[in-house]
Protein backbone atom coordinates (compact mmCIF):
# COMPACT_ATOMS: atom_id res chain seq x y z
CA MET A 1 -14.10 2.04 14.03
CA ILE A 2 -10.50 3.21 13.67
CA LEU A 3 -8.12 0.30 13.70
CA HIS A 4 -4.71 0.43 15.44
CA VAL A 5 -1.68 0.08 12.91
CA ALA A 6 0.97 -2.37 13.50
CA LYS A 7 4.53 -1.24 13.76
CA LEU A 8 7.47 -3.01 11.94
CA GLY A 9 8.70 -5.62 14.31
CA HIS A 10 5.30 -7.02 15.09
CA PRO A 11 5.19 -10.67 13.64
CA VAL A 12 1.95 -9.90 11.85
CA LEU A 13 3.84 -7.76 9.43
CA ARG A 14 6.41 -10.43 8.49
CA GLY A 15 3.95 -13.35 7.75
CA ARG A 16 1.97 -14.44 4.54
CA ALA A 17 -1.57 -13.22 4.71
CA GLU A 18 -4.29 -15.87 4.12
CA PRO A 19 -6.50 -15.60 1.16
CA VAL A 20 -9.98 -14.59 1.83
CA ASP A 21 -12.68 -17.19 1.07
CA PRO A 22 -15.13 -15.64 -1.47
CA GLU A 23 -18.05 -17.06 0.72
CA GLN A 24 -16.71 -14.74 3.50
CA ILE A 25 -17.18 -11.60 1.53
CA ALA A 26 -20.84 -11.09 2.04
CA ASP A 27 -20.48 -11.82 5.90
CA PRO A 28 -21.86 -8.60 7.76
CA LEU A 29 -18.85 -8.77 10.03
CA PHE A 30 -16.40 -8.92 7.11
CA GLN A 31 -18.14 -5.94 5.55
CA VAL A 32 -17.87 -4.04 8.83
CA PHE A 33 -13.96 -4.88 8.58
CA LEU A 34 -13.78 -3.43 5.08
CA ASP A 35 -15.59 -0.30 6.38
CA ASP A 36 -13.24 0.04 9.29
CA LEU A 37 -10.06 -0.55 6.91
CA LEU A 38 -11.24 2.33 4.64
CA GLU A 39 -11.95 4.56 7.57
CA SER A 40 -8.63 3.73 9.26
CA MET A 41 -6.62 4.34 6.11
CA GLU A 42 -8.25 7.89 6.01
CA TYR A 43 -7.92 8.50 9.64
CA HIS A 44 -4.09 7.53 9.55
CA ASP A 45 -3.64 9.81 6.48
CA GLY A 46 -2.63 6.81 4.25
CA VAL A 47 -3.06 6.01 0.49
CA GLY A 48 -3.15 2.47 1.28
CA LEU A 49 -3.58 -0.05 4.15
CA ALA A 50 -3.21 -3.77 4.10
CA GLY A 51 -5.07 -6.26 6.28
CA PRO A 52 -1.82 -7.32 8.23
CA GLN A 53 -1.14 -3.82 9.14
CA VAL A 54 -4.28 -3.76 11.33
CA PHE A 55 -3.52 -7.04 12.82
CA ARG A 56 -5.63 -9.08 10.36
CA PRO A 57 -3.56 -11.42 8.27
CA GLN A 58 -5.93 -11.78 5.24
CA ARG A 59 -5.36 -10.67 1.71
CA VAL A 60 -7.21 -7.40 1.72
CA VAL A 61 -6.07 -3.98 1.00
CA ALA A 62 -7.63 -0.33 0.97
CA VAL A 63 -6.33 2.01 -1.55
CA TRP A 64 -7.11 5.67 -2.20
CA VAL A 65 -5.06 7.81 -4.52
CA PRO A 66 -6.49 11.49 -4.84
CA ALA A 67 -6.28 12.89 -8.40
CA GLU A 68 -3.72 15.52 -7.28
CA MET A 69 -1.43 12.60 -6.41
CA ASP A 70 -1.70 10.78 -9.84
CA GLU A 71 0.47 12.85 -12.11
CA GLY A 72 -2.42 14.11 -14.35
CA GLY A 73 -4.49 10.90 -13.94
CA PRO A 74 -7.82 10.48 -12.38
CA GLY A 75 -6.62 9.04 -9.13
CA LEU A 76 -8.57 6.16 -7.38
CA GLU A 77 -11.56 6.54 -5.11
CA PRO A 78 -11.34 4.86 -1.73
CA GLU A 79 -11.89 1.25 -2.39
CA VAL A 80 -10.98 -2.13 -0.97
CA TYR A 81 -9.48 -5.03 -3.04
CA ILE A 82 -9.80 -8.64 -1.88
CA ASN A 83 -7.21 -11.30 -2.76
CA PRO A 84 -5.51 -8.92 -5.10
CA VAL A 85 -2.56 -9.90 -7.22
CA PHE A 86 -0.55 -8.08 -9.77
CA LYS A 87 1.59 -8.74 -12.75
CA PRO A 88 4.11 -6.22 -14.24
CA LEU A 89 3.22 -4.70 -17.63
CA GLY A 90 6.81 -4.70 -18.99
CA ASP A 91 10.16 -4.61 -17.43
CA GLU A 92 10.61 -0.83 -16.68
CA LYS A 93 11.13 0.12 -13.05
CA VAL A 94 11.18 3.52 -11.60
CA GLU A 95 12.50 4.79 -8.35
CA GLY A 96 10.35 6.88 -6.08
CA TRP A 97 9.87 7.95 -2.47
CA GLU A 98 7.73 5.75 -0.21
CA GLY A 99 6.54 5.87 3.33
CA CYS A 100 4.42 3.57 5.46
CA LEU A 101 1.98 3.73 8.21
CA SER A 102 3.85 0.83 9.88
CA LEU A 103 7.24 2.75 9.74
CA LYS A 104 5.78 6.08 10.80
CA ASP A 105 7.60 9.15 9.60
CA LEU A 106 10.18 7.23 7.60
CA ARG A 107 10.67 7.70 3.82
CA GLY A 108 13.06 5.84 1.40
CA ILE A 109 13.55 5.44 -2.30
CA VAL A 110 12.24 2.25 -3.81
CA PRO A 111 12.29 0.82 -7.29
CA ARG A 112 8.91 -0.36 -8.50
CA PHE A 113 7.58 -1.53 -11.87
CA ALA A 114 6.33 1.32 -13.77
CA ARG A 115 3.17 -0.27 -15.13
CA VAL A 116 1.11 -3.11 -13.61
CA GLN A 117 -2.14 -4.90 -13.93
CA ILE A 118 -4.16 -5.70 -10.85
CA GLU A 119 -6.72 -8.42 -10.44
CA ALA A 120 -8.76 -8.62 -7.34
CA LEU A 121 -12.33 -9.15 -6.07
CA SER A 122 -14.37 -6.12 -4.96
CA ARG A 123 -16.45 -5.90 -1.67
CA SER A 124 -19.42 -7.33 -3.59
CA GLY A 125 -17.39 -10.27 -4.82
CA ASP A 126 -17.14 -8.92 -8.35
CA ASN A 127 -14.06 -9.25 -10.42
CA ILE A 128 -11.81 -6.08 -10.69
CA SER A 129 -9.06 -5.55 -13.30
CA LEU A 130 -7.02 -2.52 -13.29
CA LYS A 131 -4.16 -1.42 -15.48
CA LEU A 132 -2.14 1.27 -13.56
CA ASN A 133 0.99 3.31 -13.92
CA GLY A 134 2.75 5.90 -11.87
CA PHE A 135 1.83 6.53 -8.32
CA PRO A 136 -1.26 4.27 -8.25
CA ALA A 137 0.92 1.31 -9.54
CA ARG A 138 3.43 2.10 -6.78
CA VAL A 139 0.75 2.17 -4.07
CA PHE A 140 -0.69 -1.16 -5.17
CA GLN A 141 2.84 -2.76 -5.27
CA HIS A 142 3.70 -1.42 -1.84
CA GLU A 143 0.34 -2.72 -0.33
CA LEU A 144 0.56 -6.06 -1.84
CA ASP A 145 4.01 -6.49 -0.57
CA HIS A 146 2.42 -6.26 2.98
CA LEU A 147 0.38 -9.32 2.08
CA ASP A 148 3.59 -11.27 1.75
CA GLY A 149 5.39 -9.94 4.75
CA ILE A 150 7.52 -7.48 2.90
CA ALA A 151 8.03 -3.92 4.04
CA PHE A 152 9.24 -1.18 1.68
CA VAL A 153 12.57 -0.94 3.34
CA ASP A 154 13.15 -4.51 2.19
CA ARG A 155 12.95 -3.26 -1.44
CA MET A 156 15.20 -0.39 -1.15
CA THR A 157 18.49 -0.79 -3.08
CA ASP A 158 20.43 2.14 -1.37
CA MET A 159 19.79 2.49 2.39
CA SER A 160 21.23 6.01 2.35
CA SER A 161 18.12 7.36 1.18
CA LEU A 162 16.29 6.25 4.33
CA VAL A 163 15.22 9.37 6.26
CA PHE A 164 12.79 10.76 8.64
CA LEU A 165 10.02 12.86 6.93
CA ASP A 166 10.74 15.96 9.04
CA GLU A 167 14.54 15.87 8.05
CA LEU A 168 13.82 15.28 4.55
CA GLU A 169 11.64 18.47 4.55
CA ARG A 170 14.17 20.31 6.51
CA TYR A 171 17.30 19.36 4.45
CA GLY A 172 16.04 17.83 1.32
CA PRO A 173 16.92 14.39 -0.23
CA PRO A 174 20.33 12.90 1.06
CA GLY A 175 23.12 14.09 -1.15
CA ASP A 176 21.14 16.81 -2.57
CA ASP A 177 23.52 19.72 -2.85
CA ALA A 178 20.81 22.26 -2.88
CA ALA A 179 19.97 21.50 0.89
């Protein structure tokens, strides 16, 4: 089932999501929710979707990074991550464009850690550990922010880069003299 996406302004996006009890993972209704989260991410053309974005304030995210978006890496198959946490692998941060299904058609430049380690539970309750860099690392940081009530605009250091996607495509990045 396709789930509706909450828009920025709805309180569910500003609260801290609750951890999932590992005992709940095997529940058939929870497994259906995980399927719905993945299906909804794909339907809404996202590379990530967090529980709070679909009005379910639990610490669950879906992520999918096609190989062509992974700067030469293998990408990430569509998967759910339960109770995910990350830690930076170094201090280096990189700026990059981000958008969000809860802020439809807006884009902005956000600094993120270049490399991160992700720890989570799989949909079968197994431990997952990933070391990521580039776009996959950015996607995870963005989605994990949703679990703490943070939107990408909260991480922007220069709001002058905030633009609508159609205007970005038409005129290029703000301040870009080639536009």
